[in-house]
Amino acid sequence: MIAVITGDIIHSQQAETEVWITRLKHLLANWGSAPQTWEIYRGDEFQLRCNINDAFWRFLAIKSLIKSQENLDVRIAIGIGEENFSSEKITESNGTAYVHSGRLLDDLKSNGHTVSVKTSSDSVDRDLNILLKWSSKDFDNWTVATSEIIHEMIMNKDNTQEDLAKKFAISQSSVSQRLKRANYELIVETNQYFRKKISEL
């Protein structure tokens, strides 16, 4: 079983494409090579294949990266399933994970949510999507400053608050406040719950 993350950038026309696309490419390149593991296509859509245990954390890494740029957000569909055919281009690969993810992104565009998951189990989908709807109320309202801190924590779990204070040239108490406001501890717990539910498939 694999996870396929399909997404598109919200308000992409209102931002400097070169800035977000360069940063997104740099992020995706951490996880594999294009166009086999990931690809950006049709201007502002992208697809990434990953291990099912990494799916929620990678979604958050992408979300926090995009939201650290003013006025931008991202819609993300996480499909969990099989890969029956692996092409040299991810957009030509096939299997239930790809079908779930592609169809789900279309649904998200029409229902106004920013993240959803589709697996082969209706009960797992129901549990996880209720969780995602609640948590998205938080994620969708991240400020640029919160997004930057979350992104650094996700990309490097060994970051200390001192490291972050130096990087952003702010006090350690400011770092602590931002992590609290972002409910970082709860995000870590949500990731663990997500992985546990997926392991039940």
C-alpha atoms as a PDB file:
ATOM      1  CA  MET A   1       0.000   0.000   0.000  1.00  0.00           C
ATOM      2  CA  ILE A   2       1.138   3.533  -0.770  1.00  0.00           C
ATOM      3  CA  ALA A   3      -0.088   7.079  -0.285  1.00  0.00           C
ATOM      4  CA  VAL A   4      -0.581   9.479  -3.177  1.00  0.00           C
ATOM      5  CA  ILE A   5      -0.903  13.161  -2.354  1.00  0.00           C
ATOM      6  CA  THR A   6      -2.504  15.273  -5.069  1.00  0.00           C
ATOM      7  CA  GLY A   7      -2.822  18.985  -4.499  1.00  0.00           C
ATOM      8  CA  ASP A   8      -3.323  22.384  -5.991  1.00  0.00           C
ATOM      9  CA  ILE A   9      -2.344  25.866  -4.888  1.00  0.00           C
ATOM     10  CA  ILE A  10      -5.191  28.167  -3.819  1.00  0.00           C
ATOM     11  CA  HIS A  11      -4.883  31.779  -5.102  1.00  0.00           C
ATOM     12  CA  SER A  12      -1.797  30.853  -7.135  1.00  0.00           C
ATOM     13  CA  GLN A  13      -2.559  33.658  -9.622  1.00  0.00           C
ATOM     14  CA  GLN A  14      -2.194  36.222  -6.851  1.00  0.00           C
ATOM     15  CA  ALA A  15       1.381  35.299  -5.959  1.00  0.00           C
ATOM     16  CA  GLU A  16       4.816  35.221  -7.530  1.00  0.00           C
ATOM     17  CA  THR A  17       4.800  31.775  -9.149  1.00  0.00           C
ATOM     18  CA  GLU A  18       8.574  31.612  -9.251  1.00  0.00           C
ATOM     19  CA  VAL A  19       8.827  31.960  -5.473  1.00  0.00           C
ATOM     20  CA  TRP A  20       6.359  29.265  -4.401  1.00  0.00           C
ATOM     21  CA  ILE A  21       7.155  26.850  -7.212  1.00  0.00           C
ATOM     22  CA  THR A  22      10.892  26.989  -6.495  1.00  0.00           C
ATOM     23  CA  ARG A  23      10.301  26.356  -2.807  1.00  0.00           C
ATOM     24  CA  LEU A  24       7.806  23.555  -3.497  1.00  0.00           C
ATOM     25  CA  LYS A  25      10.207  21.840  -5.910  1.00  0.00           C
ATOM     26  CA  HIS A  26      12.975  22.098  -3.332  1.00  0.00           C
ATOM     27  CA  LEU A  27      10.715  20.530  -0.683  1.00  0.00           C
ATOM     28  CA  LEU A  28       9.474  17.680  -2.901  1.00  0.00           C
ATOM     29  CA  ALA A  29      13.056  16.931  -3.997  1.00  0.00           C
ATOM     30  CA  ASN A  30      13.822  15.982  -0.357  1.00  0.00           C
ATOM     31  CA  TRP A  31      11.529  12.992  -0.786  1.00  0.00           C
ATOM     32  CA  GLY A  32      12.514  11.626  -4.190  1.00  0.00           C
ATOM     33  CA  SER A  33      13.200  12.509  -7.782  1.00  0.00           C
ATOM     34  CA  ALA A  34      10.905  14.022 -10.400  1.00  0.00           C
ATOM     35  CA  PRO A  35       8.972  12.985 -12.370  1.00  0.00           C
ATOM     36  CA  GLN A  36       8.856   9.462 -10.890  1.00  0.00           C
ATOM     37  CA  THR A  37       8.137  10.283  -7.226  1.00  0.00           C
ATOM     38  CA  TRP A  38       6.607  13.732  -7.680  1.00  0.00           C
ATOM     39  CA  GLU A  39       5.594  16.150 -10.387  1.00  0.00           C
ATOM     40  CA  ILE A  40       4.198  19.678 -10.698  1.00  0.00           C
ATOM     41  CA  TYR A  41       1.847  20.001 -13.665  1.00  0.00           C
ATOM     42  CA  ARG A  42      -0.890  22.182 -15.160  1.00  0.00           C
ATOM     43  CA  GLY A  43       0.727  25.222 -13.599  1.00  0.00           C
ATOM     44  CA  ASP A  44      -0.350  24.838  -9.997  1.00  0.00           C
ATOM     45  CA  GLU A  45      -1.161  21.157  -9.397  1.00  0.00           C
ATOM     46  CA  PHE A  46       1.229  18.565  -8.033  1.00  0.00           C
ATOM     47  CA  GLN A  47       1.377  14.903  -7.133  1.00  0.00           C
ATOM     48  CA  LEU A  48       3.615  13.009  -4.719  1.00  0.00           C
ATOM     49  CA  ARG A  49       3.909   9.317  -3.918  1.00  0.00           C
ATOM     50  CA  CYS A  50       5.046   8.349  -0.409  1.00  0.00           C
ATOM     51  CA  ASN A  51       4.949   5.768   2.353  1.00  0.00           C
ATOM     52  CA  ILE A  52       1.546   5.644   4.095  1.00  0.00           C
ATOM     53  CA  ASN A  53       3.189   6.410   7.477  1.00  0.00           C
ATOM     54  CA  ASP A  54       4.589   9.671   6.093  1.00  0.00           C
ATOM     55  CA  ALA A  55       1.377  10.923   4.464  1.00  0.00           C
ATOM     56  CA  PHE A  56       0.047  13.212   7.211  1.00  0.00           C
ATOM     57  CA  TRP A  57       3.472  14.689   8.033  1.00  0.00           C
ATOM     58  CA  ARG A  58       4.195  15.363   4.344  1.00  0.00           C
ATOM     59  CA  PHE A  59       0.792  17.001   3.931  1.00  0.00           C
ATOM     60  CA  LEU A  60       1.665  19.312   6.847  1.00  0.00           C
ATOM     61  CA  ALA A  61       5.126  20.034   5.453  1.00  0.00           C
ATOM     62  CA  ILE A  62       3.550  21.142   2.150  1.00  0.00           C
ATOM     63  CA  LYS A  63       0.741  23.062   3.883  1.00  0.00           C
ATOM     64  CA  SER A  64       3.131  24.966   6.164  1.00  0.00           C
ATOM     65  CA  LEU A  65       5.528  25.732   3.293  1.00  0.00           C
ATOM     66  CA  ILE A  66       2.796  27.185   1.063  1.00  0.00           C
ATOM     67  CA  LYS A  67       1.137  29.115   3.907  1.00  0.00           C
ATOM     68  CA  SER A  68       4.466  30.706   4.848  1.00  0.00           C
ATOM     69  CA  GLN A  69       3.925  32.799   1.718  1.00  0.00           C
ATOM     70  CA  GLU A  70       1.382  35.608   2.065  1.00  0.00           C
ATOM     71  CA  ASN A  71      -2.159  34.918   0.701  1.00  0.00           C
ATOM     72  CA  LEU A  72      -1.440  31.364  -0.475  1.00  0.00           C
ATOM     73  CA  ASP A  73      -3.008  28.107   0.653  1.00  0.00           C
ATOM     74  CA  VAL A  74      -3.183  24.561  -0.672  1.00  0.00           C
ATOM     75  CA  ARG A  75      -5.851  21.901  -1.213  1.00  0.00           C
ATOM     76  CA  ILE A  76      -4.612  18.363  -0.598  1.00  0.00           C
ATOM     77  CA  ALA A  77      -6.188  14.983  -1.339  1.00  0.00           C
ATOM     78  CA  ILE A  78      -4.536  11.961   0.281  1.00  0.00           C
ATOM     79  CA  GLY A  79      -5.293   8.675  -1.458  1.00  0.00           C
ATOM     80  CA  ILE A  80      -4.292   5.435   0.279  1.00  0.00           C
ATOM     81  CA  GLY A  81      -4.317   2.231  -1.729  1.00  0.00           C
ATOM     82  CA  GLU A  82      -2.453   0.078  -4.209  1.00  0.00           C
ATOM     83  CA  GLU A  83      -0.121   0.934  -7.057  1.00  0.00           C
ATOM     84  CA  ASN A  84      -0.800  -1.457  -9.931  1.00  0.00           C
ATOM     85  CA  PHE A  85       1.350   0.262 -12.519  1.00  0.00           C
ATOM     86  CA  SER A  86       4.476   2.340 -11.902  1.00  0.00           C
ATOM     87  CA  SER A  87       5.508   4.602 -14.761  1.00  0.00           C
ATOM     88  CA  GLU A  88       8.599   6.788 -15.126  1.00  0.00           C
ATOM     89  CA  LYS A  89       6.162   9.680 -14.634  1.00  0.00           C
ATOM     90  CA  ILE A  90       4.023   9.649 -11.500  1.00  0.00           C
ATOM     91  CA  THR A  91       1.122  11.239 -13.410  1.00  0.00           C
ATOM     92  CA  GLU A  92       1.045   8.141 -15.657  1.00  0.00           C
ATOM     93  CA  SER A  93       1.216   5.607 -12.793  1.00  0.00           C
ATOM     94  CA  ASN A  94      -1.989   3.877 -11.761  1.00  0.00           C
ATOM     95  CA  GLY A  95      -3.762   2.000  -8.983  1.00  0.00           C
ATOM     96  CA  THR A  96      -6.397   2.645  -6.324  1.00  0.00           C
ATOM     97  CA  ALA A  97      -4.167   5.128  -4.452  1.00  0.00           C
ATOM     98  CA  TYR A  98      -3.981   7.332  -7.581  1.00  0.00           C
ATOM     99  CA  VAL A  99      -7.698   7.005  -8.377  1.00  0.00           C
ATOM    100  CA  HIS A 100      -8.709   7.836  -4.771  1.00  0.00           C
ATOM    101  CA  SER A 101      -6.408  10.856  -4.692  1.00  0.00           C
ATOM    102  CA  GLY A 102      -7.375  12.316  -8.088  1.00  0.00           C
ATOM    103  CA  ARG A 103     -11.131  11.997  -7.555  1.00  0.00           C
ATOM    104  CA  LEU A 104     -10.866  13.362  -4.040  1.00  0.00           C
ATOM    105  CA  LEU A 105      -9.138  16.538  -5.237  1.00  0.00           C
ATOM    106  CA  ASP A 106     -12.077  17.182  -7.586  1.00  0.00           C
ATOM    107  CA  ASP A 107     -14.454  16.718  -4.624  1.00  0.00           C
ATOM    108  CA  LEU A 108     -12.436  19.137  -2.487  1.00  0.00           C
ATOM    109  CA  LYS A 109     -12.649  21.811  -5.172  1.00  0.00           C
ATOM    110  CA  SER A 110     -16.434  21.596  -5.076  1.00  0.00           C
ATOM    111  CA  ASN A 111     -17.002  21.232  -1.306  1.00  0.00           C
ATOM    112  CA  GLY A 112     -14.652  23.954  -0.081  1.00  0.00           C
ATOM    113  CA  HIS A 113     -12.515  21.810   2.262  1.00  0.00           C
ATOM    114  CA  THR A 114      -8.729  21.949   2.048  1.00  0.00           C
ATOM    115  CA  VAL A 115      -7.743  18.391   2.970  1.00  0.00           C
ATOM    116  CA  SER A 116      -9.323  14.967   2.866  1.00  0.00           C
ATOM    117  CA  VAL A 117      -8.312  11.308   2.803  1.00  0.00           C
ATOM    118  CA  LYS A 118      -9.735   8.341   0.888  1.00  0.00           C
ATOM    119  CA  THR A 119      -8.904   4.711   1.614  1.00  0.00           C
ATOM    120  CA  SER A 120     -10.612   1.406   0.869  1.00  0.00           C
ATOM    121  CA  SER A 121     -12.426   1.573   4.233  1.00  0.00           C
ATOM    122  CA  ASP A 122     -15.471   3.808   4.734  1.00  0.00           C
ATOM    123  CA  SER A 123     -15.124   3.702   8.537  1.00  0.00           C
ATOM    124  CA  VAL A 124     -11.436   4.720   8.476  1.00  0.00           C
ATOM    125  CA  ASP A 125     -12.325   7.501   6.014  1.00  0.00           C
ATOM    126  CA  ARG A 126     -15.107   8.743   8.274  1.00  0.00           C
ATOM    127  CA  ASP A 127     -12.911   8.827  11.402  1.00  0.00           C
ATOM    128  CA  LEU A 128      -9.955  10.486   9.711  1.00  0.00           C
ATOM    129  CA  ASN A 129     -11.979  13.032   7.761  1.00  0.00           C
ATOM    130  CA  ILE A 130     -13.812  14.249  10.859  1.00  0.00           C
ATOM    131  CA  LEU A 131     -10.396  14.707  12.448  1.00  0.00           C
ATOM    132  CA  LEU A 132      -9.095  16.539   9.361  1.00  0.00           C
ATOM    133  CA  LYS A 133     -12.115  18.847   9.209  1.00  0.00           C
ATOM    134  CA  TRP A 134     -11.582  19.891  12.820  1.00  0.00           C
ATOM    135  CA  SER A 135      -7.822  20.293  12.560  1.00  0.00           C
ATOM    136  CA  SER A 136      -8.129  22.212   9.285  1.00  0.00           C
ATOM    137  CA  LYS A 137      -9.987  24.944  11.124  1.00  0.00           C
ATOM    138  CA  ASP A 138      -6.618  25.528  12.772  1.00  0.00           C
ATOM    139  CA  PHE A 139      -4.308  24.799   9.812  1.00  0.00           C
ATOM    140  CA  ASP A 140      -6.259  27.044   7.434  1.00  0.00           C
ATOM    141  CA  ASN A 141      -5.822  29.977   9.821  1.00  0.00           C
ATOM    142  CA  TRP A 142      -2.062  29.657  10.340  1.00  0.00           C
ATOM    143  CA  THR A 143      -0.285  32.988   9.935  1.00  0.00           C
ATOM    144  CA  VAL A 144       2.905  33.276   7.900  1.00  0.00           C
ATOM    145  CA  ALA A 145       4.915  33.328  11.163  1.00  0.00           C
ATOM    146  CA  THR A 146       3.184  30.212  12.544  1.00  0.00           C
ATOM    147  CA  SER A 147       3.574  28.392   9.223  1.00  0.00           C
ATOM    148  CA  GLU A 148       7.320  29.074   9.157  1.00  0.00           C
ATOM    149  CA  ILE A 149       7.838  27.692  12.668  1.00  0.00           C
ATOM    150  CA  ILE A 150       5.679  24.611  12.016  1.00  0.00           C
ATOM    151  CA  HIS A 151       7.529  23.958   8.773  1.00  0.00           C
ATOM    152  CA  GLU A 152      10.912  24.059  10.499  1.00  0.00           C
ATOM    153  CA  MET A 153       9.697  21.671  13.222  1.00  0.00           C
ATOM    154  CA  ILE A 154       8.275  19.223  10.703  1.00  0.00           C
ATOM    155  CA  MET A 155      11.375  19.230   8.512  1.00  0.00           C
ATOM    156  CA  ASN A 156      13.768  18.824  11.417  1.00  0.00           C
ATOM    157  CA  LYS A 157      12.375  17.185  14.550  1.00  0.00           C
ATOM    158  CA  ASP A 158      15.710  17.765  16.345  1.00  0.00           C
ATOM    159  CA  ASN A 159      15.170  21.537  16.228  1.00  0.00           C
ATOM    160  CA  THR A 160      15.310  23.039  19.691  1.00  0.00           C
ATOM    161  CA  GLN A 161      13.482  26.232  20.587  1.00  0.00           C
ATOM    162  CA  GLU A 162      16.924  27.888  20.807  1.00  0.00           C
ATOM    163  CA  ASP A 163      17.663  26.825  17.204  1.00  0.00           C
ATOM    164  CA  LEU A 164      14.381  28.305  16.024  1.00  0.00           C
ATOM    165  CA  ALA A 165      14.903  31.518  18.004  1.00  0.00           C
ATOM    166  CA  LYS A 166      18.273  31.993  16.268  1.00  0.00           C
ATOM    167  CA  LYS A 167      16.923  31.155  12.832  1.00  0.00           C
ATOM    168  CA  PHE A 168      14.015  33.594  13.031  1.00  0.00           C
ATOM    169  CA  ALA A 169      15.863  36.178  15.138  1.00  0.00           C
ATOM    170  CA  ILE A 170      13.176  36.157  17.822  1.00  0.00           C
ATOM    171  CA  SER A 171      13.198  35.290  21.514  1.00  0.00           C
ATOM    172  CA  GLN A 172      12.815  31.743  22.748  1.00  0.00           C
ATOM    173  CA  SER A 173       9.597  32.723  24.524  1.00  0.00           C
ATOM    174  CA  SER A 174       8.196  33.941  21.160  1.00  0.00           C
ATOM    175  CA  VAL A 175       9.042  30.558  19.644  1.00  0.00           C
ATOM    176  CA  SER A 176       7.308  28.828  22.544  1.00  0.00           C
ATOM    177  CA  GLN A 177       4.209  31.029  22.168  1.00  0.00           C
ATOM    178  CA  ARG A 178       4.001  30.358  18.424  1.00  0.00           C
ATOM    179  CA  LEU A 179       4.252  26.596  18.931  1.00  0.00           C
ATOM    180  CA  LYS A 180       1.563  26.781  21.633  1.00  0.00           C
ATOM    181  CA  ARG A 181      -0.713  28.872  19.423  1.00  0.00           C
ATOM    182  CA  ALA A 182      -0.239  26.351  16.629  1.00  0.00           C
ATOM    183  CA  ASN A 183      -1.085  23.462  19.023  1.00  0.00           C
ATOM    184  CA  TYR A 184       2.130  21.741  17.957  1.00  0.00           C
ATOM    185  CA  GLU A 185       1.891  18.981  20.590  1.00  0.00           C
ATOM    186  CA  LEU A 186      -1.623  18.191  19.389  1.00  0.00           C
ATOM    187  CA  ILE A 187      -0.378  18.080  15.783  1.00  0.00           C
ATOM    188  CA  VAL A 188       2.201  15.446  16.806  1.00  0.00           C
ATOM    189  CA  GLU A 189      -0.533  13.397  18.510  1.00  0.00           C
ATOM    190  CA  THR A 190      -2.781  13.744  15.445  1.00  0.00           C
ATOM    191  CA  ASN A 191       0.015  12.361  13.265  1.00  0.00           C
ATOM    192  CA  GLN A 192       0.340   9.344  15.581  1.00  0.00           C
ATOM    193  CA  TYR A 193      -3.425   8.753  15.473  1.00  0.00           C
ATOM    194  CA  PHE A 194      -3.466   9.069  11.670  1.00  0.00           C
ATOM    195  CA  ARG A 195      -0.694   6.456  11.359  1.00  0.00           C
ATOM    196  CA  LYS A 196      -2.483   4.106  13.759  1.00  0.00           C
ATOM    197  CA  LYS A 197      -5.780   4.305  11.814  1.00  0.00           C
ATOM    198  CA  ILE A 198      -4.027   3.735   8.479  1.00  0.00           C
ATOM    199  CA  SER A 199      -2.253   0.680   9.921  1.00  0.00           C
ATOM    200  CA  GLU A 200      -5.679  -0.889  10.524  1.00  0.00           C
ATOM    201  CA  LEU A 201      -6.401  -1.085   6.780  1.00  0.00           C
END
